[in-house]
Amino acid sequence: MYYPYAYSYVGHVAYNPHTGTYARGGTAYGPWGGAVSGGAAWGPNAAGATGSFYNPRTGVGGATAQYSNPYGHWGRSVVSGPGGAIEIGSRSGAQGSAAGFRSTTGAKGFGFEGAGGKSGGVARGGGGNVYAGADGNVYKHGADCWSKWNNGSWNTVQPRTQSQTLQAQSGGEVWRVAWSPTRRVS
């Protein structure tokens, strides 16, 4: 006959009448050593929350911390396991949002969206290749050339001439053409 391990819970709630701040936290332990934990505090002008988990069967764990106030929201999270780890950070406010990541494989990335709808991003693979596309396309750097993903395959990109670059800059904003598929970014 099978008897499951007992679950256990720990928690607490608090209120500070002098500041109007509430706080809550708790932990749950499951069978085979798994655990989930979290806490939050909030008041009239700000809030914050944290959480974490671990699964001993898979070796995967993670944690997050998120905060906000009248000016915006920001936070960081991490997940790790036998294959490596990734860390993510973000920030949002009236002027827009930005987020980035980095992993133990060497991959890194960053993206943003401004209040006016302008957006962009760049990602670098663990091998050093940079993928970016302010024009909405995906690029990669091969042995000696750049390629663009189009209709299900990679196609070689012709190098941009100086006059094409200047023409693109005069017709649009500089940030939209700052990346060139002929130049490796690191």
N, C-alpha and C. Protein backbone atom coordinates (compact mmCIF):
# COMPACT_ATOMS: atom_id res chain seq x y z
N MET A 1 0.84 -1.18 0.00
CA MET A 1 0.00 0.00 0.00
C MET A 1 0.89 1.24 0.00
N TYR A 2 0.47 2.28 -0.73
CA TYR A 2 1.24 3.52 -0.86
C TYR A 2 0.69 4.58 0.08
N TYR A 3 1.58 5.19 0.86
CA TYR A 3 1.19 6.31 1.72
C TYR A 3 1.99 7.54 1.28
N PRO A 4 1.32 8.56 0.76
CA PRO A 4 2.05 9.75 0.30
C PRO A 4 2.65 10.52 1.46
N TYR A 5 3.71 11.27 1.14
CA TYR A 5 4.30 12.15 2.13
C TYR A 5 3.31 13.25 2.48
N ALA A 6 3.37 13.70 3.70
CA ALA A 6 2.45 14.76 4.13
C ALA A 6 2.92 16.11 3.59
N TYR A 7 1.99 16.95 3.23
CA TYR A 7 2.28 18.32 2.83
C TYR A 7 2.30 19.19 4.08
N SER A 8 3.07 20.25 4.06
CA SER A 8 3.05 21.17 5.18
C SER A 8 3.05 22.60 4.65
N TYR A 9 2.45 23.50 5.40
CA TYR A 9 2.30 24.89 4.99
C TYR A 9 2.69 25.79 6.15
N VAL A 10 3.32 26.91 5.83
CA VAL A 10 3.66 27.90 6.82
C VAL A 10 3.28 29.25 6.23
N GLY A 11 2.64 30.11 6.99
CA GLY A 11 2.26 31.41 6.45
C GLY A 11 1.99 32.42 7.54
N HIS A 12 2.01 33.70 7.12
CA HIS A 12 1.78 34.78 8.06
C HIS A 12 1.23 35.99 7.30
N VAL A 13 0.35 36.73 7.94
CA VAL A 13 -0.21 37.96 7.38
C VAL A 13 -0.05 39.05 8.43
N ALA A 14 0.32 40.26 7.99
CA ALA A 14 0.52 41.36 8.94
C ALA A 14 0.01 42.68 8.35
N TYR A 15 -0.38 43.60 9.23
CA TYR A 15 -0.82 44.94 8.82
C TYR A 15 -0.22 45.95 9.77
N ASN A 16 0.32 47.06 9.22
CA ASN A 16 0.87 48.14 10.03
C ASN A 16 -0.08 49.33 9.92
N PRO A 17 -0.87 49.64 10.95
CA PRO A 17 -1.84 50.73 10.86
C PRO A 17 -1.19 52.12 10.77
N HIS A 18 0.06 52.26 11.19
CA HIS A 18 0.74 53.56 11.12
C HIS A 18 1.13 53.92 9.69
N THR A 19 1.47 52.93 8.87
CA THR A 19 1.88 53.20 7.48
C THR A 19 0.85 52.74 6.47
N GLY A 20 -0.15 51.97 6.90
CA GLY A 20 -1.14 51.44 5.96
C GLY A 20 -0.58 50.33 5.09
N THR A 21 0.47 49.67 5.55
CA THR A 21 1.14 48.63 4.76
C THR A 21 0.68 47.24 5.18
N TYR A 22 0.40 46.41 4.18
CA TYR A 22 0.06 45.01 4.40
C TYR A 22 1.24 44.15 3.99
N ALA A 23 1.38 42.99 4.60
CA ALA A 23 2.42 42.04 4.22
C ALA A 23 1.86 40.63 4.35
N ARG A 24 2.32 39.76 3.46
CA ARG A 24 1.87 38.38 3.50
C ARG A 24 3.01 37.50 3.00
N GLY A 25 3.20 36.38 3.62
CA GLY A 25 4.23 35.45 3.19
C GLY A 25 3.82 34.03 3.48
N GLY A 26 4.41 33.12 2.76
CA GLY A 26 4.07 31.72 2.99
C GLY A 26 5.03 30.78 2.31
N THR A 27 5.03 29.56 2.78
CA THR A 27 5.87 28.50 2.21
C THR A 27 5.06 27.22 2.21
N ALA A 28 5.20 26.46 1.15
CA ALA A 28 4.55 25.15 1.08
C ALA A 28 5.61 24.12 0.73
N TYR A 29 5.67 23.06 1.49
CA TYR A 29 6.60 21.98 1.25
C TYR A 29 5.81 20.77 0.75
N GLY A 30 6.24 20.22 -0.37
CA GLY A 30 5.53 19.08 -0.92
C GLY A 30 6.28 17.80 -0.74
N PRO A 31 5.75 16.76 -1.32
CA PRO A 31 6.41 15.45 -1.20
C PRO A 31 7.78 15.46 -1.89
N TRP A 32 8.66 14.63 -1.47
CA TRP A 32 10.01 14.45 -2.03
C TRP A 32 10.87 15.70 -1.93
N GLY A 33 10.56 16.62 -1.01
CA GLY A 33 11.43 17.76 -0.76
C GLY A 33 11.16 19.00 -1.58
N GLY A 34 10.16 19.01 -2.41
CA GLY A 34 9.84 20.20 -3.20
C GLY A 34 9.36 21.34 -2.32
N ALA A 35 9.60 22.56 -2.75
CA ALA A 35 9.19 23.71 -1.94
C ALA A 35 8.80 24.87 -2.84
N VAL A 36 7.83 25.66 -2.37
CA VAL A 36 7.42 26.90 -3.00
C VAL A 36 7.31 27.92 -1.89
N SER A 37 7.85 29.10 -2.12
CA SER A 37 7.83 30.13 -1.09
C SER A 37 7.55 31.47 -1.73
N GLY A 38 6.90 32.36 -1.00
CA GLY A 38 6.63 33.68 -1.54
C GLY A 38 6.22 34.64 -0.47
N GLY A 39 6.30 35.90 -0.83
CA GLY A 39 5.89 36.94 0.10
C GLY A 39 5.55 38.20 -0.66
N ALA A 40 4.76 39.06 -0.05
CA ALA A 40 4.38 40.31 -0.68
C ALA A 40 4.15 41.36 0.38
N ALA A 41 4.40 42.60 0.01
CA ALA A 41 4.10 43.74 0.88
C ALA A 41 3.58 44.85 -0.02
N TRP A 42 2.57 45.55 0.43
CA TRP A 42 2.03 46.64 -0.36
C TRP A 42 1.47 47.70 0.56
N GLY A 43 1.50 48.92 0.07
CA GLY A 43 1.00 50.05 0.83
C GLY A 43 0.46 51.10 -0.12
N PRO A 44 0.26 52.31 0.37
CA PRO A 44 -0.35 53.34 -0.47
C PRO A 44 0.51 53.77 -1.66
N ASN A 45 1.83 53.65 -1.59
CA ASN A 45 2.70 54.18 -2.65
C ASN A 45 3.61 53.17 -3.33
N ALA A 46 3.63 51.95 -2.88
CA ALA A 46 4.54 50.97 -3.48
C ALA A 46 4.10 49.56 -3.11
N ALA A 47 4.63 48.61 -3.89
CA ALA A 47 4.36 47.20 -3.61
C ALA A 47 5.56 46.38 -4.04
N GLY A 48 5.72 45.24 -3.43
CA GLY A 48 6.80 44.34 -3.80
C GLY A 48 6.39 42.91 -3.51
N ALA A 49 6.93 41.99 -4.30
CA ALA A 49 6.62 40.58 -4.09
C ALA A 49 7.82 39.74 -4.48
N THR A 50 8.02 38.65 -3.78
CA THR A 50 9.09 37.71 -4.11
C THR A 50 8.51 36.31 -4.10
N GLY A 51 9.15 35.44 -4.82
CA GLY A 51 8.74 34.06 -4.84
C GLY A 51 9.89 33.17 -5.26
N SER A 52 9.84 31.92 -4.86
CA SER A 52 10.88 30.98 -5.26
C SER A 52 10.30 29.57 -5.28
N PHE A 53 10.98 28.70 -6.00
CA PHE A 53 10.55 27.30 -6.06
C PHE A 53 11.77 26.42 -6.29
N TYR A 54 11.63 25.14 -5.94
CA TYR A 54 12.68 24.16 -6.23
C TYR A 54 12.03 22.80 -6.37
N ASN A 55 12.42 22.06 -7.40
CA ASN A 55 11.94 20.71 -7.62
C ASN A 55 13.14 19.77 -7.56
N PRO A 56 13.29 19.00 -6.50
CA PRO A 56 14.47 18.14 -6.35
C PRO A 56 14.50 16.98 -7.35
N ARG A 57 13.35 16.58 -7.88
CA ARG A 57 13.34 15.50 -8.87
C ARG A 57 13.98 15.93 -10.18
N THR A 58 13.75 17.18 -10.60
CA THR A 58 14.32 17.67 -11.86
C THR A 58 15.56 18.51 -11.65
N GLY A 59 15.79 18.99 -10.44
CA GLY A 59 16.93 19.86 -10.18
C GLY A 59 16.71 21.28 -10.67
N VAL A 60 15.47 21.65 -10.94
CA VAL A 60 15.14 22.98 -11.45
C VAL A 60 14.62 23.84 -10.31
N GLY A 61 15.12 25.06 -10.26
CA GLY A 61 14.67 26.01 -9.25
C GLY A 61 14.64 27.40 -9.83
N GLY A 62 14.01 28.31 -9.14
CA GLY A 62 13.94 29.68 -9.63
C GLY A 62 13.47 30.63 -8.55
N ALA A 63 13.62 31.91 -8.85
CA ALA A 63 13.19 32.95 -7.92
C ALA A 63 12.85 34.21 -8.71
N THR A 64 12.00 35.03 -8.14
CA THR A 64 11.65 36.30 -8.76
C THR A 64 11.46 37.35 -7.68
N ALA A 65 11.69 38.59 -8.03
CA ALA A 65 11.41 39.73 -7.17
C ALA A 65 10.83 40.82 -8.07
N GLN A 66 9.64 41.29 -7.77
CA GLN A 66 8.94 42.27 -8.59
C GLN A 66 8.50 43.42 -7.70
N TYR A 67 8.61 44.64 -8.21
CA TYR A 67 8.29 45.83 -7.44
C TYR A 67 7.54 46.83 -8.31
N SER A 68 6.78 47.71 -7.67
CA SER A 68 6.10 48.77 -8.41
C SER A 68 5.85 49.95 -7.49
N ASN A 69 5.75 51.11 -8.12
CA ASN A 69 5.35 52.33 -7.44
C ASN A 69 4.59 53.18 -8.46
N PRO A 70 4.16 54.37 -8.12
CA PRO A 70 3.40 55.17 -9.09
C PRO A 70 4.16 55.49 -10.38
N TYR A 71 5.46 55.33 -10.39
CA TYR A 71 6.27 55.68 -11.56
C TYR A 71 6.56 54.51 -12.49
N GLY A 72 6.32 53.29 -12.04
CA GLY A 72 6.60 52.16 -12.92
C GLY A 72 6.68 50.83 -12.18
N HIS A 73 7.17 49.86 -12.93
CA HIS A 73 7.30 48.48 -12.44
C HIS A 73 8.68 47.98 -12.84
N TRP A 74 9.34 47.20 -11.98
CA TRP A 74 10.62 46.61 -12.31
C TRP A 74 10.78 45.29 -11.57
N GLY A 75 11.65 44.45 -12.09
CA GLY A 75 11.85 43.19 -11.43
C GLY A 75 12.94 42.35 -12.06
N ARG A 76 13.31 41.28 -11.38
CA ARG A 76 14.32 40.33 -11.85
C ARG A 76 13.86 38.93 -11.52
N SER A 77 14.20 38.00 -12.40
CA SER A 77 13.88 36.59 -12.17
C SER A 77 15.05 35.74 -12.63
N VAL A 78 15.17 34.55 -12.06
CA VAL A 78 16.20 33.60 -12.46
C VAL A 78 15.62 32.20 -12.37
N VAL A 79 15.99 31.37 -13.34
CA VAL A 79 15.63 29.96 -13.33
C VAL A 79 16.91 29.18 -13.62
N SER A 80 17.16 28.13 -12.86
CA SER A 80 18.36 27.34 -13.09
C SER A 80 18.03 25.86 -12.99
N GLY A 81 18.85 25.10 -13.66
CA GLY A 81 18.68 23.65 -13.65
C GLY A 81 19.93 22.99 -14.16
N PRO A 82 19.87 21.69 -14.40
CA PRO A 82 21.05 20.96 -14.86
C PRO A 82 21.64 21.50 -16.17
N GLY A 83 20.81 22.10 -17.03
CA GLY A 83 21.29 22.61 -18.31
C GLY A 83 21.84 24.02 -18.26
N GLY A 84 21.76 24.70 -17.13
CA GLY A 84 22.26 26.06 -17.03
C GLY A 84 21.26 26.96 -16.33
N ALA A 85 21.48 28.24 -16.46
CA ALA A 85 20.62 29.22 -15.79
C ALA A 85 20.38 30.41 -16.70
N ILE A 86 19.27 31.09 -16.48
CA ILE A 86 18.96 32.31 -17.20
C ILE A 86 18.44 33.34 -16.21
N GLU A 87 18.88 34.58 -16.38
CA GLU A 87 18.45 35.69 -15.55
C GLU A 87 17.75 36.70 -16.44
N ILE A 88 16.63 37.23 -15.99
CA ILE A 88 15.82 38.16 -16.76
C ILE A 88 15.54 39.38 -15.89
N GLY A 89 15.64 40.56 -16.48
CA GLY A 89 15.30 41.79 -15.78
C GLY A 89 14.41 42.66 -16.65
N SER A 90 13.53 43.44 -16.04
CA SER A 90 12.64 44.29 -16.82
C SER A 90 12.32 45.57 -16.05
N ARG A 91 11.90 46.57 -16.81
CA ARG A 91 11.51 47.86 -16.24
C ARG A 91 10.46 48.48 -17.15
N SER A 92 9.37 48.99 -16.59
CA SER A 92 8.31 49.65 -17.36
C SER A 92 7.93 50.93 -16.66
N GLY A 93 7.60 51.93 -17.45
CA GLY A 93 7.15 53.20 -16.92
C GLY A 93 6.43 53.99 -17.99
N ALA A 94 6.17 55.25 -17.71
CA ALA A 94 5.43 56.09 -18.64
C ALA A 94 6.17 56.29 -19.96
N GLN A 95 7.50 56.18 -19.97
CA GLN A 95 8.28 56.38 -21.18
C GLN A 95 8.48 55.11 -22.00
N GLY A 96 8.03 53.97 -21.48
CA GLY A 96 8.16 52.73 -22.23
C GLY A 96 8.63 51.58 -21.36
N SER A 97 9.05 50.52 -22.01
CA SER A 97 9.48 49.31 -21.32
C SER A 97 10.79 48.79 -21.89
N ALA A 98 11.57 48.14 -21.06
CA ALA A 98 12.81 47.51 -21.49
C ALA A 98 13.00 46.21 -20.72
N ALA A 99 13.61 45.23 -21.37
CA ALA A 99 13.87 43.96 -20.72
C ALA A 99 15.13 43.35 -21.30
N GLY A 100 15.83 42.58 -20.52
CA GLY A 100 17.03 41.92 -20.98
C GLY A 100 17.19 40.56 -20.33
N PHE A 101 18.07 39.75 -20.92
CA PHE A 101 18.34 38.44 -20.34
C PHE A 101 19.81 38.10 -20.57
N ARG A 102 20.30 37.17 -19.75
CA ARG A 102 21.63 36.57 -19.94
C ARG A 102 21.57 35.16 -19.40
N SER A 103 22.34 34.29 -20.02
CA SER A 103 22.32 32.89 -19.59
C SER A 103 23.74 32.38 -19.41
N THR A 104 23.85 31.24 -18.75
CA THR A 104 25.16 30.65 -18.51
C THR A 104 25.77 30.09 -19.79
N THR A 105 25.00 30.01 -20.88
CA THR A 105 25.54 29.58 -22.16
C THR A 105 26.28 30.71 -22.87
N GLY A 106 26.16 31.93 -22.34
CA GLY A 106 26.77 33.09 -22.98
C GLY A 106 25.78 33.90 -23.78
N ALA A 107 24.57 33.40 -23.97
CA ALA A 107 23.56 34.15 -24.71
C ALA A 107 23.09 35.34 -23.89
N LYS A 108 22.86 36.48 -24.59
CA LYS A 108 22.39 37.71 -23.96
C LYS A 108 21.43 38.39 -24.91
N GLY A 109 20.54 39.19 -24.37
CA GLY A 109 19.62 39.91 -25.23
C GLY A 109 19.00 41.09 -24.52
N PHE A 110 18.46 42.02 -25.32
CA PHE A 110 17.84 43.22 -24.79
C PHE A 110 16.79 43.70 -25.78
N GLY A 111 15.67 44.17 -25.28
CA GLY A 111 14.63 44.72 -26.13
C GLY A 111 13.96 45.88 -25.44
N PHE A 112 13.36 46.77 -26.23
CA PHE A 112 12.67 47.92 -25.65
C PHE A 112 11.49 48.31 -26.52
N GLU A 113 10.57 49.02 -25.90
CA GLU A 113 9.46 49.65 -26.61
C GLU A 113 9.23 50.99 -25.95
N GLY A 114 9.29 52.07 -26.73
CA GLY A 114 9.10 53.41 -26.21
C GLY A 114 7.63 53.76 -26.11
N ALA A 115 7.35 54.87 -25.43
CA ALA A 115 5.98 55.31 -25.24
C ALA A 115 5.31 55.61 -26.58
N GLY A 116 6.08 56.03 -27.59
CA GLY A 116 5.53 56.33 -28.91
C GLY A 116 5.40 55.12 -29.81
N GLY A 117 5.66 53.92 -29.30
CA GLY A 117 5.54 52.71 -30.10
C GLY A 117 6.82 52.30 -30.79
N LYS A 118 7.89 53.07 -30.69
CA LYS A 118 9.17 52.68 -31.29
C LYS A 118 9.74 51.53 -30.49
N SER A 119 10.33 50.56 -31.20
CA SER A 119 10.86 49.40 -30.49
C SER A 119 12.09 48.87 -31.21
N GLY A 120 12.84 48.05 -30.52
CA GLY A 120 14.02 47.43 -31.09
C GLY A 120 14.55 46.38 -30.15
N GLY A 121 15.56 45.67 -30.61
CA GLY A 121 16.14 44.64 -29.78
C GLY A 121 17.36 44.02 -30.43
N VAL A 122 18.11 43.32 -29.63
CA VAL A 122 19.29 42.62 -30.11
C VAL A 122 19.49 41.39 -29.23
N ALA A 123 19.96 40.31 -29.81
CA ALA A 123 20.25 39.10 -29.05
C ALA A 123 21.58 38.54 -29.53
N ARG A 124 22.37 38.04 -28.61
CA ARG A 124 23.66 37.46 -28.94
C ARG A 124 23.65 36.01 -28.48
N GLY A 125 23.94 35.11 -29.40
CA GLY A 125 23.99 33.70 -29.06
C GLY A 125 25.23 33.36 -28.27
N GLY A 126 25.25 32.19 -27.69
CA GLY A 126 26.39 31.75 -26.90
C GLY A 126 27.68 31.68 -27.70
N GLY A 127 27.60 31.48 -29.03
CA GLY A 127 28.77 31.42 -29.89
C GLY A 127 29.26 32.79 -30.34
N GLY A 128 28.58 33.87 -29.94
CA GLY A 128 29.02 35.20 -30.29
C GLY A 128 28.27 35.82 -31.46
N ASN A 129 27.42 35.06 -32.15
CA ASN A 129 26.65 35.65 -33.24
C ASN A 129 25.62 36.62 -32.67
N VAL A 130 25.40 37.72 -33.40
CA VAL A 130 24.45 38.73 -32.98
C VAL A 130 23.27 38.73 -33.93
N TYR A 131 22.08 38.73 -33.37
CA TYR A 131 20.86 38.74 -34.16
C TYR A 131 20.10 40.02 -33.83
N ALA A 132 19.84 40.83 -34.83
CA ALA A 132 19.14 42.08 -34.59
C ALA A 132 18.35 42.47 -35.81
N GLY A 133 17.31 43.21 -35.62
CA GLY A 133 16.54 43.65 -36.77
C GLY A 133 15.57 44.75 -36.43
N ALA A 134 16.02 45.99 -36.50
CA ALA A 134 15.10 47.11 -36.30
C ALA A 134 14.07 47.14 -37.41
N ASP A 135 14.36 46.46 -38.52
CA ASP A 135 13.42 46.41 -39.64
C ASP A 135 12.44 45.26 -39.50
N GLY A 136 12.49 44.53 -38.40
CA GLY A 136 11.56 43.43 -38.17
C GLY A 136 12.06 42.09 -38.68
N ASN A 137 13.25 42.03 -39.24
CA ASN A 137 13.81 40.79 -39.76
C ASN A 137 14.79 40.18 -38.78
N VAL A 138 15.10 38.90 -38.98
CA VAL A 138 16.05 38.18 -38.15
C VAL A 138 17.30 37.91 -38.98
N TYR A 139 18.48 38.17 -38.39
CA TYR A 139 19.75 38.01 -39.08
C TYR A 139 20.68 37.11 -38.26
N LYS A 140 21.65 36.50 -38.93
CA LYS A 140 22.71 35.77 -38.24
C LYS A 140 24.01 35.96 -39.01
N HIS A 141 25.10 35.80 -38.30
CA HIS A 141 26.41 35.94 -38.93
C HIS A 141 27.02 34.56 -39.10
N GLY A 142 27.37 34.22 -40.32
CA GLY A 142 28.01 32.94 -40.61
C GLY A 142 29.51 33.07 -40.66
N ALA A 143 30.16 32.19 -41.39
CA ALA A 143 31.61 32.16 -41.47
C ALA A 143 32.18 33.48 -41.99
N ASP A 144 31.60 34.02 -43.04
CA ASP A 144 32.15 35.26 -43.60
C ASP A 144 31.07 36.20 -44.14
N CYS A 145 29.81 35.96 -43.78
CA CYS A 145 28.75 36.83 -44.29
C CYS A 145 27.55 36.83 -43.34
N TRP A 146 26.66 37.78 -43.55
CA TRP A 146 25.41 37.85 -42.81
C TRP A 146 24.31 37.22 -43.64
N SER A 147 23.36 36.58 -42.96
CA SER A 147 22.21 35.98 -43.63
C SER A 147 20.93 36.48 -42.97
N LYS A 148 19.86 36.51 -43.75
CA LYS A 148 18.56 36.95 -43.28
C LYS A 148 17.56 35.80 -43.42
N TRP A 149 16.73 35.57 -42.39
CA TRP A 149 15.71 34.53 -42.42
C TRP A 149 14.54 35.04 -43.26
N ASN A 150 14.22 34.28 -44.33
CA ASN A 150 13.15 34.70 -45.22
C ASN A 150 12.46 33.47 -45.80
N ASN A 151 11.16 33.36 -45.64
CA ASN A 151 10.38 32.26 -46.19
C ASN A 151 10.93 30.88 -45.82
N GLY A 152 11.35 30.71 -44.58
CA GLY A 152 11.77 29.40 -44.10
C GLY A 152 13.21 29.01 -44.35
N SER A 153 14.04 29.96 -44.83
CA SER A 153 15.45 29.61 -45.03
C SER A 153 16.32 30.86 -44.85
N TRP A 154 17.63 30.62 -44.67
CA TRP A 154 18.60 31.71 -44.53
C TRP A 154 19.09 32.11 -45.92
N ASN A 155 19.08 33.42 -46.20
CA ASN A 155 19.55 33.96 -47.48
C ASN A 155 20.64 34.98 -47.23
N THR A 156 21.73 34.93 -48.00
CA THR A 156 22.83 35.85 -47.84
C THR A 156 22.36 37.28 -48.07
N VAL A 157 22.81 38.19 -47.21
CA VAL A 157 22.48 39.61 -47.31
C VAL A 157 23.63 40.32 -48.02
N GLN A 158 23.30 41.13 -49.00
CA GLN A 158 24.32 41.91 -49.69
C GLN A 158 24.76 43.07 -48.79
N PRO A 159 26.08 43.34 -48.74
CA PRO A 159 26.56 44.45 -47.90
C PRO A 159 25.92 45.77 -48.30
N ARG A 160 25.62 46.58 -47.33
CA ARG A 160 25.05 47.90 -47.54
C ARG A 160 26.16 48.86 -47.94
N THR A 161 25.95 49.67 -48.95
CA THR A 161 26.95 50.65 -49.36
C THR A 161 26.81 51.89 -48.49
N GLN A 162 27.82 52.76 -48.51
CA GLN A 162 27.80 53.98 -47.71
C GLN A 162 26.64 54.87 -48.14
N SER A 163 26.35 54.97 -49.44
CA SER A 163 25.25 55.83 -49.89
C SER A 163 23.90 55.28 -49.45
N GLN A 164 23.73 53.94 -49.40
CA GLN A 164 22.48 53.36 -48.91
C GLN A 164 22.29 53.66 -47.43
N THR A 165 23.37 53.60 -46.66
CA THR A 165 23.30 53.88 -45.24
C THR A 165 22.91 55.34 -45.01
N LEU A 166 23.56 56.28 -45.72
CA LEU A 166 23.25 57.70 -45.57
C LEU A 166 21.83 57.99 -46.01
N GLN A 167 21.37 57.37 -47.09
CA GLN A 167 20.01 57.58 -47.58
C GLN A 167 19.00 57.08 -46.54
N ALA A 168 19.25 55.93 -45.95
CA ALA A 168 18.36 55.38 -44.94
C ALA A 168 18.32 56.28 -43.71
N GLN A 169 19.49 56.83 -43.32
CA GLN A 169 19.54 57.70 -42.15
C GLN A 169 18.82 59.02 -42.40
N SER A 170 18.88 59.55 -43.59
CA SER A 170 18.23 60.82 -43.86
C SER A 170 16.71 60.68 -43.94
N GLY A 171 16.23 59.48 -44.27
CA GLY A 171 14.80 59.27 -44.39
C GLY A 171 14.15 58.76 -43.13
N GLY A 172 14.93 58.43 -42.13
CA GLY A 172 14.38 57.88 -40.89
C GLY A 172 15.23 58.27 -39.72
N GLU A 173 14.92 57.71 -38.59
CA GLU A 173 15.70 58.02 -37.40
C GLU A 173 16.96 57.17 -37.36
N VAL A 174 18.02 57.75 -36.80
CA VAL A 174 19.32 57.08 -36.81
C VAL A 174 19.28 55.74 -36.10
N TRP A 175 18.53 55.60 -34.99
CA TRP A 175 18.53 54.35 -34.24
C TRP A 175 17.98 53.20 -35.05
N ARG A 176 17.14 53.48 -36.04
CA ARG A 176 16.56 52.41 -36.84
C ARG A 176 17.55 51.83 -37.83
N VAL A 177 18.63 52.53 -38.14
CA VAL A 177 19.59 52.03 -39.11
C VAL A 177 20.98 51.90 -38.51
N ALA A 178 21.09 52.01 -37.18
CA ALA A 178 22.40 51.94 -36.55
C ALA A 178 23.04 50.57 -36.70
N TRP A 179 22.24 49.52 -36.84
CA TRP A 179 22.77 48.19 -37.03
C TRP A 179 22.90 47.92 -38.51
N SER A 180 24.03 47.41 -38.92
CA SER A 180 24.26 47.07 -40.31
C SER A 180 24.57 45.58 -40.41
N PRO A 181 23.94 44.86 -41.33
CA PRO A 181 24.21 43.43 -41.42
C PRO A 181 25.62 43.13 -41.91
N THR A 182 26.40 44.13 -42.29
CA THR A 182 27.77 43.89 -42.73
C THR A 182 28.77 44.08 -41.61
N ARG A 183 28.32 44.52 -40.44
CA ARG A 183 29.22 44.78 -39.33
C ARG A 183 28.85 43.87 -38.17
N ARG A 184 29.78 43.13 -37.67
CA ARG A 184 29.52 42.24 -36.54
C ARG A 184 29.53 43.08 -35.25
N VAL A 185 28.50 42.96 -34.48
CA VAL A 185 28.35 43.69 -33.24
C VAL A 185 28.75 42.78 -32.09
N SER A 186 29.49 43.29 -31.13
CA SER A 186 29.84 42.43 -29.99
C SER A 186 29.63 43.15 -28.69
